């Protein structure tokens, strides 16, 4: 699963697409085992999870360098997730949020949801 997610990055996969990919390689594979394994990898901190259309969960490899200061750019479909580490941008967003009356603490992470070229 991890190598499959590495190959498709920055695309995120949901459990059904992961099952379709892996079922061609393994004879005894159930959709339930894919769901459990993705959830277990996510709770272990190896994956990041984002929500897509119809509240489907999409998963991607969590970059080693990902820390509390990493923000994300995600497509509204949930299938594309890009990690941003730009301190100047982060400080600008924090300043704008604070100016608009938002309480922004040190641990806050910004997620910018937009539309990728594929969905456009």
C-alpha atoms as a PDB file:
ATOM      1  CA  UNK A   1       0.000   0.000   0.000  1.00  0.00           C
ATOM      2  CA  UNK A   2       2.742   2.438   0.920  1.00  0.00           C
ATOM      3  CA  UNK A   3       4.636   1.878  -2.329  1.00  0.00           C
ATOM      4  CA  UNK A   4       1.421   2.315  -4.318  1.00  0.00           C
ATOM      5  CA  UNK A   5       0.751   5.634  -2.587  1.00  0.00           C
ATOM      6  CA  UNK A   6       4.346   6.737  -3.215  1.00  0.00           C
ATOM      7  CA  UNK A   7       4.006   5.979  -6.931  1.00  0.00           C
ATOM      8  CA  UNK A   8       0.815   8.001  -7.412  1.00  0.00           C
ATOM      9  CA  UNK A   9       1.784  11.051  -5.288  1.00  0.00           C
ATOM     10  CA  UNK A  10       0.543  13.795  -5.163  1.00  0.00           C
ATOM     11  CA  UNK A  11      -2.643  11.931  -6.023  1.00  0.00           C
ATOM     12  CA  UNK A  12      -4.558  10.593  -3.020  1.00  0.00           C
ATOM     13  CA  UNK A  13      -6.324   7.239  -3.183  1.00  0.00           C
ATOM     14  CA  UNK A  14      -9.516   6.115  -1.530  1.00  0.00           C
ATOM     15  CA  UNK A  15      -9.972   2.536  -0.356  1.00  0.00           C
ATOM     16  CA  UNK A  16     -11.936   1.397  -3.411  1.00  0.00           C
ATOM     17  CA  UNK A  17      -9.325   2.657  -5.870  1.00  0.00           C
ATOM     18  CA  UNK A  18      -6.546   1.128  -3.747  1.00  0.00           C
ATOM     19  CA  UNK A  19      -8.450  -2.176  -3.833  1.00  0.00           C
ATOM     20  CA  UNK A  20      -8.767  -2.051  -7.627  1.00  0.00           C
ATOM     21  CA  UNK A  21      -5.022  -1.439  -7.977  1.00  0.00           C
ATOM     22  CA  UNK A  22      -3.888  -4.086  -5.496  1.00  0.00           C
ATOM     23  CA  UNK A  23      -6.423  -6.782  -6.408  1.00  0.00           C
ATOM     24  CA  UNK A  24      -4.623  -7.256  -9.725  1.00  0.00           C
ATOM     25  CA  UNK A  25      -1.439  -8.145  -7.797  1.00  0.00           C
ATOM     26  CA  UNK A  26      -2.837 -10.296  -4.988  1.00  0.00           C
ATOM     27  CA  UNK A  27      -5.301 -13.172  -5.234  1.00  0.00           C
ATOM     28  CA  UNK A  28      -6.610 -13.163  -1.673  1.00  0.00           C
ATOM     29  CA  UNK A  29      -7.426  -9.579  -0.952  1.00  0.00           C
ATOM     30  CA  UNK A  30     -10.676  -8.208   0.405  1.00  0.00           C
ATOM     31  CA  UNK A  31     -11.991  -4.674   0.315  1.00  0.00           C
ATOM     32  CA  UNK A  32     -12.386  -4.822   4.096  1.00  0.00           C
ATOM     33  CA  UNK A  33      -8.706  -5.543   4.579  1.00  0.00           C
ATOM     34  CA  UNK A  34      -7.850  -2.473   2.489  1.00  0.00           C
ATOM     35  CA  UNK A  35     -10.119  -0.248   4.595  1.00  0.00           C
ATOM     36  CA  UNK A  36      -8.614  -1.603   7.848  1.00  0.00           C
ATOM     37  CA  UNK A  37      -5.019  -1.303   6.650  1.00  0.00           C
ATOM     38  CA  UNK A  38      -5.474   2.291   5.439  1.00  0.00           C
ATOM     39  CA  UNK A  39      -7.095   3.254   8.722  1.00  0.00           C
ATOM     40  CA  UNK A  40      -4.334   1.532  10.727  1.00  0.00           C
ATOM     41  CA  UNK A  41      -1.595   3.263   8.698  1.00  0.00           C
ATOM     42  CA  UNK A  42      -3.338   6.590   9.210  1.00  0.00           C
ATOM     43  CA  UNK A  43      -3.703   6.133  12.977  1.00  0.00           C
ATOM     44  CA  UNK A  44      -0.031   5.089  13.133  1.00  0.00           C
ATOM     45  CA  UNK A  45       0.878   8.467  11.603  1.00  0.00           C
ATOM     46  CA  UNK A  46       2.232   7.132   8.298  1.00  0.00           C
ATOM     47  CA  UNK A  47      -0.563   8.552   6.149  1.00  0.00           C
ATOM     48  CA  UNK A  48      -2.532  11.762   5.935  1.00  0.00           C
ATOM     49  CA  UNK A  49      -6.245  11.643   5.296  1.00  0.00           C
ATOM     50  CA  UNK A  50      -8.405  14.155   3.486  1.00  0.00           C
ATOM     51  CA  UNK A  51     -12.077  14.177   2.665  1.00  0.00           C
ATOM     52  CA  UNK A  52     -13.392  14.211  -0.865  1.00  0.00           C
ATOM     53  CA  UNK A  53     -16.732  14.161  -2.610  1.00  0.00           C
ATOM     54  CA  UNK A  54     -19.525  12.368  -0.756  1.00  0.00           C
ATOM     55  CA  UNK A  55     -17.350  12.396   2.398  1.00  0.00           C
ATOM     56  CA  UNK A  56     -15.028   9.689   1.036  1.00  0.00           C
ATOM     57  CA  UNK A  57     -11.685   9.434   2.808  1.00  0.00           C
ATOM     58  CA  UNK A  58      -8.590   9.783   0.630  1.00  0.00           C
ATOM     59  CA  UNK A  59      -5.088   8.876   1.785  1.00  0.00           C
ATOM     60  CA  UNK A  60      -1.546   9.928   0.903  1.00  0.00           C
ATOM     61  CA  UNK A  61       1.905   9.206   2.296  1.00  0.00           C
ATOM     62  CA  UNK A  62       2.780  11.589   5.113  1.00  0.00           C
ATOM     63  CA  UNK A  63       6.047  13.260   4.113  1.00  0.00           C
ATOM     64  CA  UNK A  64       8.886  12.816   6.607  1.00  0.00           C
ATOM     65  CA  UNK A  65       9.435  16.553   6.722  1.00  0.00           C
ATOM     66  CA  UNK A  66       5.759  17.218   7.496  1.00  0.00           C
ATOM     67  CA  UNK A  67       5.492  19.050  10.775  1.00  0.00           C
ATOM     68  CA  UNK A  68       3.136  21.352  12.618  1.00  0.00           C
ATOM     69  CA  UNK A  69       4.182  24.204  10.339  1.00  0.00           C
ATOM     70  CA  UNK A  70       3.089  22.492   7.106  1.00  0.00           C
ATOM     71  CA  UNK A  71      -0.024  23.736   5.381  1.00  0.00           C
ATOM     72  CA  UNK A  72      -1.850  22.016   2.537  1.00  0.00           C
ATOM     73  CA  UNK A  73      -3.329  22.824  -0.816  1.00  0.00           C
ATOM     74  CA  UNK A  74      -6.097  20.353  -1.643  1.00  0.00           C
ATOM     75  CA  UNK A  75      -8.515  19.834  -4.480  1.00  0.00           C
ATOM     76  CA  UNK A  76     -12.182  19.841  -3.533  1.00  0.00           C
ATOM     77  CA  UNK A  77     -12.516  16.323  -4.984  1.00  0.00           C
ATOM     78  CA  UNK A  78     -10.039  15.078  -2.352  1.00  0.00           C
ATOM     79  CA  UNK A  79      -7.819  13.309  -4.857  1.00  0.00           C
ATOM     80  CA  UNK A  80      -4.948  15.793  -4.849  1.00  0.00           C
ATOM     81  CA  UNK A  81      -3.027  17.071  -1.850  1.00  0.00           C
ATOM     82  CA  UNK A  82       0.128  19.204  -1.899  1.00  0.00           C
ATOM     83  CA  UNK A  83       2.071  20.136   1.230  1.00  0.00           C
ATOM     84  CA  UNK A  84       3.327  23.698   1.545  1.00  0.00           C
ATOM     85  CA  UNK A  85       6.174  24.828   3.756  1.00  0.00           C
ATOM     86  CA  UNK A  86       6.346  28.553   3.145  1.00  0.00           C
ATOM     87  CA  UNK A  87       6.840  30.546   6.326  1.00  0.00           C
ATOM     88  CA  UNK A  88       6.172  33.904   4.637  1.00  0.00           C
ATOM     89  CA  UNK A  89       2.857  32.645   3.233  1.00  0.00           C
ATOM     90  CA  UNK A  90       1.941  31.122   6.586  1.00  0.00           C
ATOM     91  CA  UNK A  91       2.652  34.386   8.411  1.00  0.00           C
ATOM     92  CA  UNK A  92       0.600  36.321   5.826  1.00  0.00           C
ATOM     93  CA  UNK A  93      -2.348  33.928   6.262  1.00  0.00           C
ATOM     94  CA  UNK A  94      -2.080  34.140  10.061  1.00  0.00           C
ATOM     95  CA  UNK A  95      -2.063  37.945   9.882  1.00  0.00           C
ATOM     96  CA  UNK A  96      -5.105  38.030   7.576  1.00  0.00           C
ATOM     97  CA  UNK A  97      -6.973  35.510   9.729  1.00  0.00           C
ATOM     98  CA  UNK A  98      -6.216  37.472  12.897  1.00  0.00           C
ATOM     99  CA  UNK A  99      -7.274  40.713  11.193  1.00  0.00           C
ATOM    100  CA  UNK A 100     -10.593  39.107  10.246  1.00  0.00           C
ATOM    101  CA  UNK A 101     -11.265  38.136  13.852  1.00  0.00           C
ATOM    102  CA  UNK A 102     -10.154  34.512  13.800  1.00  0.00           C
ATOM    103  CA  UNK A 103      -8.345  33.114  16.824  1.00  0.00           C
ATOM    104  CA  UNK A 104      -5.236  31.523  15.349  1.00  0.00           C
ATOM    105  CA  UNK A 105      -3.114  29.541  17.776  1.00  0.00           C
ATOM    106  CA  UNK A 106       0.412  28.266  17.219  1.00  0.00           C
ATOM    107  CA  UNK A 107      -0.743  24.787  16.177  1.00  0.00           C
ATOM    108  CA  UNK A 108      -3.191  25.967  13.542  1.00  0.00           C
ATOM    109  CA  UNK A 109      -2.655  24.559  10.078  1.00  0.00           C
ATOM    110  CA  UNK A 110      -4.107  26.172   6.981  1.00  0.00           C
ATOM    111  CA  UNK A 111      -5.762  24.057   4.328  1.00  0.00           C
ATOM    112  CA  UNK A 112      -6.571  25.854   1.116  1.00  0.00           C
ATOM    113  CA  UNK A 113      -9.260  24.033  -0.836  1.00  0.00           C
ATOM    114  CA  UNK A 114      -9.427  24.782  -4.535  1.00  0.00           C
ATOM    115  CA  UNK A 115      -9.983  22.971  -7.835  1.00  0.00           C
ATOM    116  CA  UNK A 116      -7.177  21.147  -9.625  1.00  0.00           C
ATOM    117  CA  UNK A 117      -6.726  21.294 -13.389  1.00  0.00           C
ATOM    118  CA  UNK A 118      -8.158  17.779 -13.792  1.00  0.00           C
ATOM    119  CA  UNK A 119     -11.416  18.745 -12.065  1.00  0.00           C
ATOM    120  CA  UNK A 120     -11.682  22.072 -13.812  1.00  0.00           C
END
